[in-house]
PDB file of N, CA and C in Angstrom:
ATOM      1  N   MET A   1       0.953  -1.120   0.067  1.00  0.00           N
ATOM      2  CA  MET A   1      -0.022  -0.063  -0.064  1.00  0.00           C
ATOM      3  C   MET A   1       0.809   1.276  -0.043  1.00  0.00           C
ATOM      4  N   ASN A   2       0.532   2.185  -0.765  1.00  0.00           N
ATOM      5  CA  ASN A   2       1.315   3.374  -0.677  1.00  0.00           C
ATOM      6  C   ASN A   2       0.616   4.537   0.247  1.00  0.00           C
ATOM      7  N   ASP A   3       1.177   5.645   0.213  1.00  0.00           N
ATOM      8  CA  ASP A   3       0.732   6.799   1.270  1.00  0.00           C
ATOM      9  C   ASP A   3      -0.766   7.094   1.039  1.00  0.00           C
ATOM     10  N   GLU A   4      -1.346   6.801  -0.168  1.00  0.00           N
ATOM     11  CA  GLU A   4      -2.734   7.189  -0.375  1.00  0.00           C
ATOM     12  C   GLU A   4      -3.722   6.252   0.295  1.00  0.00           C
ATOM     13  N   ALA A   5      -3.380   5.114   0.876  1.00  0.00           N
ATOM     14  CA  ALA A   5      -4.127   4.023   1.378  1.00  0.00           C
ATOM     15  C   ALA A   5      -5.067   4.632   2.313  1.00  0.00           C
ATOM     16  N   LYS A   6      -6.288   4.200   2.542  1.00  0.00           N
ATOM     17  CA  LYS A   6      -7.272   4.447   3.533  1.00  0.00           C
ATOM     18  C   LYS A   6      -7.554   3.725   4.472  1.00  0.00           C
ATOM     19  N   GLN A   7      -7.870   4.000   5.724  1.00  0.00           N
ATOM     20  CA  GLN A   7      -8.536   3.032   6.706  1.00  0.00           C
ATOM     21  C   GLN A   7      -9.984   3.081   6.651  1.00  0.00           C
ATOM     22  N   ILE A   8     -10.639   1.920   6.267  1.00  0.00           N
ATOM     23  CA  ILE A   8     -11.927   1.788   6.029  1.00  0.00           C
ATOM     24  C   ILE A   8     -12.557   0.764   7.002  1.00  0.00           C
ATOM     25  N   PRO A   9     -13.456   1.191   7.804  1.00  0.00           N
ATOM     26  CA  PRO A   9     -14.143   0.165   8.788  1.00  0.00           C
ATOM     27  C   PRO A   9     -15.128  -0.548   8.067  1.00  0.00           C
ATOM     28  N   VAL A  10     -15.216  -1.945   8.186  1.00  0.00           N
ATOM     29  CA  VAL A  10     -16.376  -2.680   7.819  1.00  0.00           C
ATOM     30  C   VAL A  10     -16.758  -3.553   8.876  1.00  0.00           C
ATOM     31  N   LEU A  11     -18.108  -3.782   8.681  1.00  0.00           N
ATOM     32  CA  LEU A  11     -18.752  -4.595   9.748  1.00  0.00           C
ATOM     33  C   LEU A  11     -19.082  -6.091   9.190  1.00  0.00           C
ATOM     34  N   ILE A  12     -18.555  -7.170   9.949  1.00  0.00           N
ATOM     35  CA  ILE A  12     -18.761  -8.465   9.624  1.00  0.00           C
ATOM     36  C   ILE A  12     -19.175  -9.307  10.640  1.00  0.00           C
ATOM     37  N   LEU A  13     -20.411  -9.889  10.671  1.00  0.00           N
ATOM     38  CA  LEU A  13     -20.973 -10.531  11.973  1.00  0.00           C
ATOM     39  C   LEU A  13     -21.056  -9.576  13.115  1.00  0.00           C
ATOM     40  N   ASP A  14     -21.350  -8.521  12.896  1.00  0.00           N
ATOM     41  CA  ASP A  14     -21.479  -7.504  13.914  1.00  0.00           C
ATOM     42  C   ASP A  14     -20.170  -7.147  14.761  1.00  0.00           C
ATOM     43  N   LYS A  15     -19.100  -7.424  14.077  1.00  0.00           N
ATOM     44  CA  LYS A  15     -17.697  -7.102  14.404  1.00  0.00           C
ATOM     45  C   LYS A  15     -16.972  -6.039  13.355  1.00  0.00           C
ATOM     46  N   GLU A  16     -16.470  -4.967  13.988  1.00  0.00           N
ATOM     47  CA  GLU A  16     -15.908  -4.172  13.111  1.00  0.00           C
ATOM     48  C   GLU A  16     -14.328  -4.316  12.922  1.00  0.00           C
ATOM     49  N   TYR A  17     -13.946  -4.411  11.605  1.00  0.00           N
ATOM     50  CA  TYR A  17     -12.458  -4.484  11.149  1.00  0.00           C
ATOM     51  C   TYR A  17     -12.214  -3.334  10.396  1.00  0.00           C
ATOM     52  N   VAL A  18     -11.016  -2.762  10.573  1.00  0.00           N
ATOM     53  CA  VAL A  18     -10.446  -1.526   9.862  1.00  0.00           C
ATOM     54  C   VAL A  18      -9.486  -2.116   8.950  1.00  0.00           C
ATOM     55  N   ILE A  19      -9.736  -1.871   7.655  1.00  0.00           N
ATOM     56  CA  ILE A  19      -8.938  -2.537   6.439  1.00  0.00           C
ATOM     57  C   ILE A  19      -8.538  -1.404   5.744  1.00  0.00           C
ATOM     58  N   ALA A  20      -7.052  -1.354   5.429  1.00  0.00           N
ATOM     59  CA  ALA A  20      -6.487  -0.334   4.470  1.00  0.00           C
ATOM     60  C   ALA A  20      -6.695  -0.823   3.114  1.00  0.00           C
ATOM     61  N   CYS A  21      -6.949   0.229   2.325  1.00  0.00           N
ATOM     62  CA  CYS A  21      -7.146  -0.094   1.018  1.00  0.00           C
ATOM     63  C   CYS A  21      -7.051   1.350   0.136  1.00  0.00           C
ATOM     64  N   GLN A  22      -6.816   1.244  -1.054  1.00  0.00           N
ATOM     65  CA  GLN A  22      -6.443   2.337  -2.058  1.00  0.00           C
ATOM     66  C   GLN A  22      -7.962   2.797  -2.354  1.00  0.00           C
ATOM     67  N   PRO A  23      -8.023   4.308  -2.342  1.00  0.00           N
ATOM     68  CA  PRO A  23      -9.209   5.104  -2.663  1.00  0.00           C
ATOM     69  C   PRO A  23     -10.026   4.341  -3.645  1.00  0.00           C
ATOM     70  N   ASP A  24      -9.401   4.158  -4.802  1.00  0.00           N
ATOM     71  CA  ASP A  24     -10.260   3.560  -5.849  1.00  0.00           C
ATOM     72  C   ASP A  24     -10.798   2.221  -5.712  1.00  0.00           C
ATOM     73  N   GLU A  25     -10.203   1.512  -4.779  1.00  0.00           N
ATOM     74  CA  GLU A  25     -10.865   0.154  -4.257  1.00  0.00           C
ATOM     75  C   GLU A  25     -11.759   0.102  -3.149  1.00  0.00           C
ATOM     76  N   GLU A  26     -12.124   1.156  -2.551  1.00  0.00           N
ATOM     77  CA  GLU A  26     -13.145   1.243  -1.476  1.00  0.00           C
ATOM     78  C   GLU A  26     -14.351   0.616  -1.750  1.00  0.00           C
ATOM     79  N   GLN A  27     -14.922   0.939  -2.902  1.00  0.00           N
ATOM     80  CA  GLN A  27     -16.492   0.324  -3.154  1.00  0.00           C
ATOM     81  C   GLN A  27     -16.173  -1.213  -3.262  1.00  0.00           C
ATOM     82  N   GLU A  28     -15.084  -1.632  -3.882  1.00  0.00           N
ATOM     83  CA  GLU A  28     -14.856  -3.164  -4.172  1.00  0.00           C
ATOM     84  C   GLU A  28     -14.732  -3.740  -2.695  1.00  0.00           C
ATOM     85  N   LEU A  29     -13.972  -2.963  -1.782  1.00  0.00           N
ATOM     86  CA  LEU A  29     -13.787  -3.546  -0.336  1.00  0.00           C
ATOM     87  C   LEU A  29     -15.200  -3.595   0.332  1.00  0.00           C
ATOM     88  N   LEU A  30     -15.920  -2.561   0.252  1.00  0.00           N
ATOM     89  CA  LEU A  30     -17.267  -2.689   0.871  1.00  0.00           C
ATOM     90  C   LEU A  30     -18.193  -3.617   0.425  1.00  0.00           C
ATOM     91  N   SER A  31     -18.287  -3.905  -0.932  1.00  0.00           N
ATOM     92  CA  SER A  31     -18.980  -4.845  -1.552  1.00  0.00           C
ATOM     93  C   SER A  31     -18.385  -6.334  -1.187  1.00  0.00           C
ATOM     94  N   SER A  32     -17.185  -6.521  -1.154  1.00  0.00           N
ATOM     95  CA  SER A  32     -16.760  -7.730  -0.566  1.00  0.00           C
ATOM     96  C   SER A  32     -17.033  -8.039   0.795  1.00  0.00           C
ATOM     97  N   ALA A  33     -17.005  -6.998   1.508  1.00  0.00           N
ATOM     98  CA  ALA A  33     -17.484  -7.092   3.154  1.00  0.00           C
ATOM     99  C   ALA A  33     -18.726  -7.475   3.171  1.00  0.00           C
ATOM    100  N   ARG A  34     -19.688  -7.003   2.442  1.00  0.00           N
ATOM    101  CA  ARG A  34     -21.007  -7.279   2.398  1.00  0.00           C
ATOM    102  C   ARG A  34     -21.308  -8.683   2.019  1.00  0.00           C
ATOM    103  N   LEU A  35     -20.630  -9.243   1.067  1.00  0.00           N
ATOM    104  CA  LEU A  35     -20.739 -10.460   0.630  1.00  0.00           C
ATOM    105  C   LEU A  35     -20.202 -11.474   1.623  1.00  0.00           C
ATOM    106  N   VAL A  36     -19.072 -11.238   2.229  1.00  0.00           N
ATOM    107  CA  VAL A  36     -18.653 -12.073   3.340  1.00  0.00           C
ATOM    108  C   VAL A  36     -19.679 -12.098   4.417  1.00  0.00           C
ATOM    109  N   ASP A  37     -20.075 -10.955   4.845  1.00  0.00           N
ATOM    110  CA  ASP A  37     -20.984 -10.830   6.040  1.00  0.00           C
ATOM    111  C   ASP A  37     -22.222 -11.533   5.751  1.00  0.00           C
ATOM    112  N   ASN A  38     -22.846 -11.534   4.295  1.00  0.00           N
ATOM    113  CA  ASN A  38     -23.942 -12.216   4.228  1.00  0.00           C
ATOM    114  C   ASN A  38     -23.804 -13.559   4.227  1.00  0.00           C
ATOM    115  N   LYS A  39     -22.598 -14.289   3.703  1.00  0.00           N
ATOM    116  CA  LYS A  39     -22.391 -15.645   3.516  1.00  0.00           C
ATOM    117  C   LYS A  39     -22.179 -16.297   5.070  1.00  0.00           C
ATOM    118  N   MET A  40     -21.540 -15.317   5.921  1.00  0.00           N
ATOM    119  CA  MET A  40     -21.280 -15.804   7.150  1.00  0.00           C
ATOM    120  C   MET A  40     -22.566 -15.985   7.973  1.00  0.00           C
ATOM    121  N   ARG A  41     -23.428 -14.862   7.719  1.00  0.00           N
ATOM    122  CA  ARG A  41     -24.837 -14.936   8.372  1.00  0.00           C
ATOM    123  C   ARG A  41     -25.572 -16.100   8.017  1.00  0.00           C
ATOM    124  N   GLU A  42     -25.619 -16.487   6.676  1.00  0.00           N
ATOM    125  CA  GLU A  42     -26.283 -17.607   6.003  1.00  0.00           C
ATOM    126  C   GLU A  42     -25.798 -18.974   6.697  1.00  0.00           C
ATOM    127  N   ILE A  43     -24.524 -19.013   6.953  1.00  0.00           N
ATOM    128  CA  ILE A  43     -23.986 -20.195   7.556  1.00  0.00           C
ATOM    129  C   ILE A  43     -24.152 -20.438   9.019  1.00  0.00           C
ATOM    130  N   ARG A  44     -24.197 -19.232   9.661  1.00  0.00           N
ATOM    131  CA  ARG A  44     -24.609 -19.118  11.181  1.00  0.00           C
ATOM    132  C   ARG A  44     -25.968 -19.491  11.196  1.00  0.00           C
ATOM    133  N   GLY A  45     -26.959 -18.972  10.248  1.00  0.00           N
ATOM    134  CA  GLY A  45     -28.275 -19.046  10.454  1.00  0.00           C
ATOM    135  C   GLY A  45     -28.763 -20.576  10.119  1.00  0.00           C
ATOM    136  N   SER A  46     -27.877 -21.216   9.479  1.00  0.00           N
ATOM    137  CA  SER A  46     -28.226 -22.707   9.232  1.00  0.00           C
ATOM    138  C   SER A  46     -28.218 -23.595  10.422  1.00  0.00           C
ATOM    139  N   GLY A  47     -27.547 -22.959  11.565  1.00  0.00           N
ATOM    140  CA  GLY A  47     -27.479 -23.723  12.869  1.00  0.00           C
ATOM    141  C   GLY A  47     -26.536 -24.917  12.821  1.00  0.00           C
ATOM    142  N   LYS A  48     -25.930 -25.108  11.678  1.00  0.00           N
ATOM    143  CA  LYS A  48     -24.960 -26.413  11.659  1.00  0.00           C
ATOM    144  C   LYS A  48     -23.454 -25.951  12.078  1.00  0.00           C
ATOM    145  N   VAL A  49     -23.148 -24.743  12.101  1.00  0.00           N
ATOM    146  CA  VAL A  49     -21.868 -24.310  12.449  1.00  0.00           C
ATOM    147  C   VAL A  49     -21.957 -23.283  13.651  1.00  0.00           C
ATOM    148  N   ILE A  50     -21.073 -23.552  14.688  1.00  0.00           N
ATOM    149  CA  ILE A  50     -21.103 -22.720  15.807  1.00  0.00           C
ATOM    150  C   ILE A  50     -19.782 -22.159  16.008  1.00  0.00           C
ATOM    151  N   GLY A  51     -19.783 -20.940  16.247  1.00  0.00           N
ATOM    152  CA  GLY A  51     -18.577 -20.145  16.692  1.00  0.00           C
ATOM    153  C   GLY A  51     -18.058 -19.444  15.344  1.00  0.00           C
ATOM    154  N   SER A  52     -17.543 -18.068  15.808  1.00  0.00           N
ATOM    155  CA  SER A  52     -17.351 -17.184  14.622  1.00  0.00           C
ATOM    156  C   SER A  52     -16.168 -17.650  13.788  1.00  0.00           C
ATOM    157  N   GLU A  53     -14.986 -18.371  14.521  1.00  0.00           N
ATOM    158  CA  GLU A  53     -13.812 -18.857  13.753  1.00  0.00           C
ATOM    159  C   GLU A  53     -14.379 -19.916  12.708  1.00  0.00           C
ATOM    160  N   ARG A  54     -15.151 -20.831  13.238  1.00  0.00           N
ATOM    161  CA  ARG A  54     -15.448 -21.906  12.427  1.00  0.00           C
ATOM    162  C   ARG A  54     -16.488 -21.498  11.193  1.00  0.00           C
ATOM    163  N   ILE A  55     -17.388 -20.537  11.592  1.00  0.00           N
ATOM    164  CA  ILE A  55     -18.156 -19.832  10.599  1.00  0.00           C
ATOM    165  C   ILE A  55     -17.395 -19.129   9.552  1.00  0.00           C
ATOM    166  N   ALA A  56     -16.261 -18.633   9.824  1.00  0.00           N
ATOM    167  CA  ALA A  56     -15.406 -17.915   8.921  1.00  0.00           C
ATOM    168  C   ALA A  56     -14.693 -18.834   8.063  1.00  0.00           C
ATOM    169  N   VAL A  57     -14.110 -19.910   8.668  1.00  0.00           N
ATOM    170  CA  VAL A  57     -13.544 -20.840   7.872  1.00  0.00           C
ATOM    171  C   VAL A  57     -14.531 -21.523   6.870  1.00  0.00           C
ATOM    172  N   MET A  58     -15.700 -21.884   7.324  1.00  0.00           N
ATOM    173  CA  MET A  58     -16.584 -22.531   6.404  1.00  0.00           C
ATOM    174  C   MET A  58     -16.984 -21.693   5.305  1.00  0.00           C
ATOM    175  N   THR A  59     -17.051 -20.355   5.602  1.00  0.00           N
ATOM    176  CA  THR A  59     -17.414 -19.300   4.509  1.00  0.00           C
ATOM    177  C   THR A  59     -16.353 -19.190   3.478  1.00  0.00           C
ATOM    178  N   SER A  60     -15.036 -19.210   3.984  1.00  0.00           N
ATOM    179  CA  SER A  60     -13.890 -19.028   3.190  1.00  0.00           C
ATOM    180  C   SER A  60     -13.883 -20.258   2.302  1.00  0.00           C
ATOM    181  N   LEU A  61     -14.161 -21.313   2.818  1.00  0.00           N
ATOM    182  CA  LEU A  61     -14.065 -22.606   1.790  1.00  0.00           C
ATOM    183  C   LEU A  61     -15.202 -22.699   0.936  1.00  0.00           C
ATOM    184  N   ASN A  62     -16.268 -22.254   1.299  1.00  0.00           N
ATOM    185  CA  ASN A  62     -17.425 -22.172   0.444  1.00  0.00           C
ATOM    186  C   ASN A  62     -17.039 -21.081  -0.807  1.00  0.00           C
ATOM    187  N   MET A  63     -16.740 -19.937  -0.376  1.00  0.00           N
ATOM    188  CA  MET A  63     -16.482 -18.990  -1.317  1.00  0.00           C
ATOM    189  C   MET A  63     -15.318 -19.314  -2.286  1.00  0.00           C
ATOM    190  N   ALA A  64     -14.235 -19.969  -1.831  1.00  0.00           N
ATOM    191  CA  ALA A  64     -13.073 -20.583  -2.698  1.00  0.00           C
ATOM    192  C   ALA A  64     -13.639 -21.471  -3.515  1.00  0.00           C
ATOM    193  N   HIS A  65     -14.305 -22.602  -3.096  1.00  0.00           N
ATOM    194  CA  HIS A  65     -14.886 -23.551  -3.778  1.00  0.00           C
ATOM    195  C   HIS A  65     -15.775 -22.901  -4.938  1.00  0.00           C
ATOM    196  N   ASP A  66     -16.648 -22.043  -4.709  1.00  0.00           N
ATOM    197  CA  ASP A  66     -17.283 -21.243  -5.773  1.00  0.00           C
ATOM    198  C   ASP A  66     -16.415 -20.564  -6.826  1.00  0.00           C
ATOM    199  N   LEU A  67     -15.430 -19.941  -6.364  1.00  0.00           N
ATOM    200  CA  LEU A  67     -14.573 -19.233  -7.250  1.00  0.00           C
ATOM    201  C   LEU A  67     -13.708 -20.333  -8.131  1.00  0.00           C
ATOM    202  N   VAL A  68     -13.233 -21.422  -7.557  1.00  0.00           N
ATOM    203  CA  VAL A  68     -12.490 -22.471  -8.265  1.00  0.00           C
ATOM    204  C   VAL A  68     -13.399 -23.013  -9.269  1.00  0.00           C
ATOM    205  N   ARG A  69     -14.694 -23.458  -8.803  1.00  0.00           N
ATOM    206  CA  ARG A  69     -15.646 -24.042  -9.725  1.00  0.00           C
ATOM    207  C   ARG A  69     -15.860 -23.146 -10.887  1.00  0.00           C
ATOM    208  N   SER A  70     -16.067 -21.849 -10.637  1.00  0.00           N
ATOM    209  CA  SER A  70     -16.424 -20.948 -11.745  1.00  0.00           C
ATOM    210  C   SER A  70     -15.310 -20.681 -12.717  1.00  0.00           C
ATOM    211  N   GLU A  71     -14.043 -21.016 -12.245  1.00  0.00           N
ATOM    212  CA  GLU A  71     -12.853 -20.656 -13.114  1.00  0.00           C
ATOM    213  C   GLU A  71     -12.316 -22.027 -13.658  1.00  0.00           C
ATOM    214  N   SER A  72     -12.671 -23.041 -13.113  1.00  0.00           N
ATOM    215  CA  SER A  72     -11.964 -24.262 -13.425  1.00  0.00           C
ATOM    216  C   SER A  72     -12.592 -25.179 -14.576  1.00  0.00           C
ATOM    217  N   GLY A  73     -13.990 -25.154 -14.480  1.00  0.00           N
ATOM    218  CA  GLY A  73     -14.728 -26.346 -15.413  1.00  0.00           C
ATOM    219  C   GLY A  73     -14.363 -27.632 -14.852  1.00  0.00           C
ATOM    220  N   SER A  74     -14.465 -28.689 -15.756  1.00  0.00           N
ATOM    221  CA  SER A  74     -14.128 -30.068 -15.464  1.00  0.00           C
ATOM    222  C   SER A  74     -12.706 -30.463 -15.759  1.00  0.00           C
ATOM    223  N   LYS A  75     -11.867 -29.511 -16.314  1.00  0.00           N
ATOM    224  CA  LYS A  75     -10.534 -29.934 -16.626  1.00  0.00           C
ATOM    225  C   LYS A  75      -9.458 -29.434 -15.726  1.00  0.00           C
ATOM    226  N   GLY A  76      -9.846 -28.988 -14.467  1.00  0.00           N
ATOM    227  CA  GLY A  76      -8.872 -28.605 -13.615  1.00  0.00           C
ATOM    228  C   GLY A  76      -8.710 -27.064 -13.522  1.00  0.00           C
ATOM    229  N   TYR A  77      -7.835 -26.564 -12.702  1.00  0.00           N
ATOM    230  CA  TYR A  77      -7.576 -25.134 -12.653  1.00  0.00           C
ATOM    231  C   TYR A  77      -7.039 -24.687 -13.961  1.00  0.00           C
ATOM    232  N   LYS A  78      -7.661 -23.422 -14.170  1.00  0.00           N
ATOM    233  CA  LYS A  78      -7.059 -22.616 -15.279  1.00  0.00           C
ATOM    234  C   LYS A  78      -7.329 -21.135 -15.070  1.00  0.00           C
ATOM    235  N   GLY A  79      -6.714 -20.266 -15.897  1.00  0.00           N
ATOM    236  CA  GLY A  79      -6.955 -18.796 -15.800  1.00  0.00           C
ATOM    237  C   GLY A  79      -6.572 -18.263 -14.436  1.00  0.00           C
ATOM    238  N   PRO A  80      -7.210 -17.313 -13.997  1.00  0.00           N
ATOM    239  CA  PRO A  80      -6.645 -16.592 -12.897  1.00  0.00           C
ATOM    240  C   PRO A  80      -6.410 -17.411 -11.549  1.00  0.00           C
ATOM    241  N   SER A  81      -7.142 -18.422 -11.411  1.00  0.00           N
ATOM    242  CA  SER A  81      -7.363 -19.316 -10.267  1.00  0.00           C
ATOM    243  C   SER A  81      -5.912 -19.996 -10.432  1.00  0.00           C
ATOM    244  N   ARG A  82      -5.409 -20.521 -11.480  1.00  0.00           N
ATOM    245  CA  ARG A  82      -4.353 -21.274 -11.562  1.00  0.00           C
ATOM    246  C   ARG A  82      -2.970 -20.502 -11.283  1.00  0.00           C
ATOM    247  N   ALA A  83      -2.882 -19.258 -11.688  1.00  0.00           N
ATOM    248  CA  ALA A  83      -1.781 -18.416 -11.389  1.00  0.00           C
ATOM    249  C   ALA A  83      -1.969 -18.034 -10.060  1.00  0.00           C
ATOM    250  N   ARG A  84      -3.042 -17.674  -9.375  1.00  0.00           N
ATOM    251  CA  ARG A  84      -3.077 -17.402  -7.837  1.00  0.00           C
ATOM    252  C   ARG A  84      -2.687 -18.651  -7.113  1.00  0.00           C
ATOM    253  N   LEU A  85      -3.105 -19.662  -7.397  1.00  0.00           N
ATOM    254  CA  LEU A  85      -2.816 -20.965  -6.667  1.00  0.00           C
ATOM    255  C   LEU A  85      -1.280 -21.345  -6.822  1.00  0.00           C
ATOM    256  N   ARG A  86      -0.646 -21.082  -7.997  1.00  0.00           N
ATOM    257  CA  ARG A  86       0.932 -21.278  -8.081  1.00  0.00           C
ATOM    258  C   ARG A  86       1.594 -20.231  -7.236  1.00  0.00           C
ATOM    259  N   ALA A  87       1.031 -18.972  -7.152  1.00  0.00           N
ATOM    260  CA  ALA A  87       1.837 -17.928  -6.449  1.00  0.00           C
ATOM    261  C   ALA A  87       1.649 -18.385  -4.896  1.00  0.00           C
ATOM    262  N   LEU A  88       0.466 -18.895  -4.698  1.00  0.00           N
ATOM    263  CA  LEU A  88       0.275 -19.090  -3.183  1.00  0.00           C
ATOM    264  C   LEU A  88       1.147 -20.268  -2.815  1.00  0.00           C
ATOM    265  N   GLN A  89       1.249 -21.261  -3.789  1.00  0.00           N
ATOM    266  CA  GLN A  89       1.975 -22.446  -3.383  1.00  0.00           C
ATOM    267  C   GLN A  89       3.602 -22.117  -3.176  1.00  0.00           C
ATOM    268  N   LYS A  90       4.006 -21.127  -4.083  1.00  0.00           N
ATOM    269  CA  LYS A  90       5.390 -20.823  -3.879  1.00  0.00           C
ATOM    270  C   LYS A  90       5.597 -20.135  -2.608  1.00  0.00           C
ATOM    271  N   LYS A  91       4.797 -19.186  -2.112  1.00  0.00           N
ATOM    272  CA  LYS A  91       4.722 -18.577  -0.844  1.00  0.00           C
ATOM    273  C   LYS A  91       4.753 -19.613   0.284  1.00  0.00           C
ATOM    274  N   ILE A  92       4.007 -20.408   0.230  1.00  0.00           N
ATOM    275  CA  ILE A  92       3.800 -21.466   1.230  1.00  0.00           C
ATOM    276  C   ILE A  92       5.197 -22.280   1.477  1.00  0.00           C
ATOM    277  N   ASP A  93       5.717 -22.763   0.141  1.00  0.00           N
ATOM    278  CA  ASP A  93       6.914 -23.432  -0.057  1.00  0.00           C
ATOM    279  C   ASP A  93       8.063 -22.663   0.621  1.00  0.00           C
ATOM    280  N   THR A  94       8.139 -21.252   0.418  1.00  0.00           N
ATOM    281  CA  THR A  94       9.307 -20.522   0.936  1.00  0.00           C
ATOM    282  C   THR A  94       9.061 -20.288   2.419  1.00  0.00           C
ATOM    283  N   VAL A  95       7.891 -20.218   2.950  1.00  0.00           N
ATOM    284  CA  VAL A  95       7.725 -20.088   4.364  1.00  0.00           C
ATOM    285  C   VAL A  95       8.057 -21.344   5.121  1.00  0.00           C
ATOM    286  N   LEU A  96       7.665 -22.696   4.536  1.00  0.00           N
ATOM    287  CA  LEU A  96       8.063 -23.926   5.088  1.00  0.00           C
ATOM    288  C   LEU A  96       9.525 -24.155   4.938  1.00  0.00           C
ATOM    289  N   LYS A  97      10.203 -23.830   3.971  1.00  0.00           N
ATOM    290  CA  LYS A  97      11.688 -24.037   3.838  1.00  0.00           C
ATOM    291  C   LYS A  97      12.369 -23.053   4.986  1.00  0.00           C
ATOM    292  N   ASP A  98      11.860 -21.862   5.081  1.00  0.00           N
ATOM    293  CA  ASP A  98      12.302 -20.880   6.174  1.00  0.00           C
ATOM    294  C   ASP A  98      12.242 -21.672   7.519  1.00  0.00           C
ATOM    295  N   GLN A  99      11.035 -21.974   7.722  1.00  0.00           N
ATOM    296  CA  GLN A  99      10.794 -22.714   9.084  1.00  0.00           C
ATOM    297  C   GLN A  99      11.648 -23.975   9.537  1.00  0.00           C
ATOM    298  N   ASP A 100      11.864 -24.538   8.358  1.00  0.00           N
ATOM    299  CA  ASP A 100      12.620 -25.884   8.459  1.00  0.00           C
ATOM    300  C   ASP A 100      14.008 -25.512   8.767  1.00  0.00           C
ATOM    301  N   ARG A 101      14.605 -24.423   8.078  1.00  0.00           N
ATOM    302  CA  ARG A 101      16.039 -23.945   8.343  1.00  0.00           C
ATOM    303  C   ARG A 101      16.126 -23.411   9.661  1.00  0.00           C
ATOM    304  N   GLN A 102      15.174 -22.725  10.302  1.00  0.00           N
ATOM    305  CA  GLN A 102      15.203 -22.130  11.528  1.00  0.00           C
ATOM    306  C   GLN A 102      15.104 -23.372  12.618  1.00  0.00           C
ATOM    307  N   MET A 103      14.385 -24.301  12.382  1.00  0.00           N
ATOM    308  CA  MET A 103      14.088 -25.288  13.321  1.00  0.00           C
ATOM    309  C   MET A 103      15.545 -26.218  13.549  1.00  0.00           C
ATOM    310  N   ARG A 104      16.192 -26.265  12.310  1.00  0.00           N
ATOM    311  CA  ARG A 104      17.380 -26.981  12.357  1.00  0.00           C
ATOM    312  C   ARG A 104      18.593 -26.175  13.083  1.00  0.00           C
ATOM    313  N   LEU A 105      18.557 -25.036  13.276  1.00  0.00           N
ATOM    314  CA  LEU A 105      19.520 -24.086  14.021  1.00  0.00           C
ATOM    315  C   LEU A 105      19.294 -24.345  15.477  1.00  0.00           C
TER     316      LEU A 105
END
């Protein structure tokens, strides 16, 4: 984030979070927060998942599944999901290697 980043409060499951974002991304952040809030309320309302942390994890998994399904089709990951997953895998590998090195010391 550069110096123009704004601190935007968002409300998710009745809890306020302050998120830094660029001014031109504020509406996207607010829309994303509303979507997450709605999905979390939906899962909480089902009565099958209890606890904010578990609701958040289930919401994340459901939304990730929807994203992957919409971008992958039946032939596996492609498009933006594939690139994001590769980048994430590289970051995970780097962190795990660093942790492994530190544990050996």
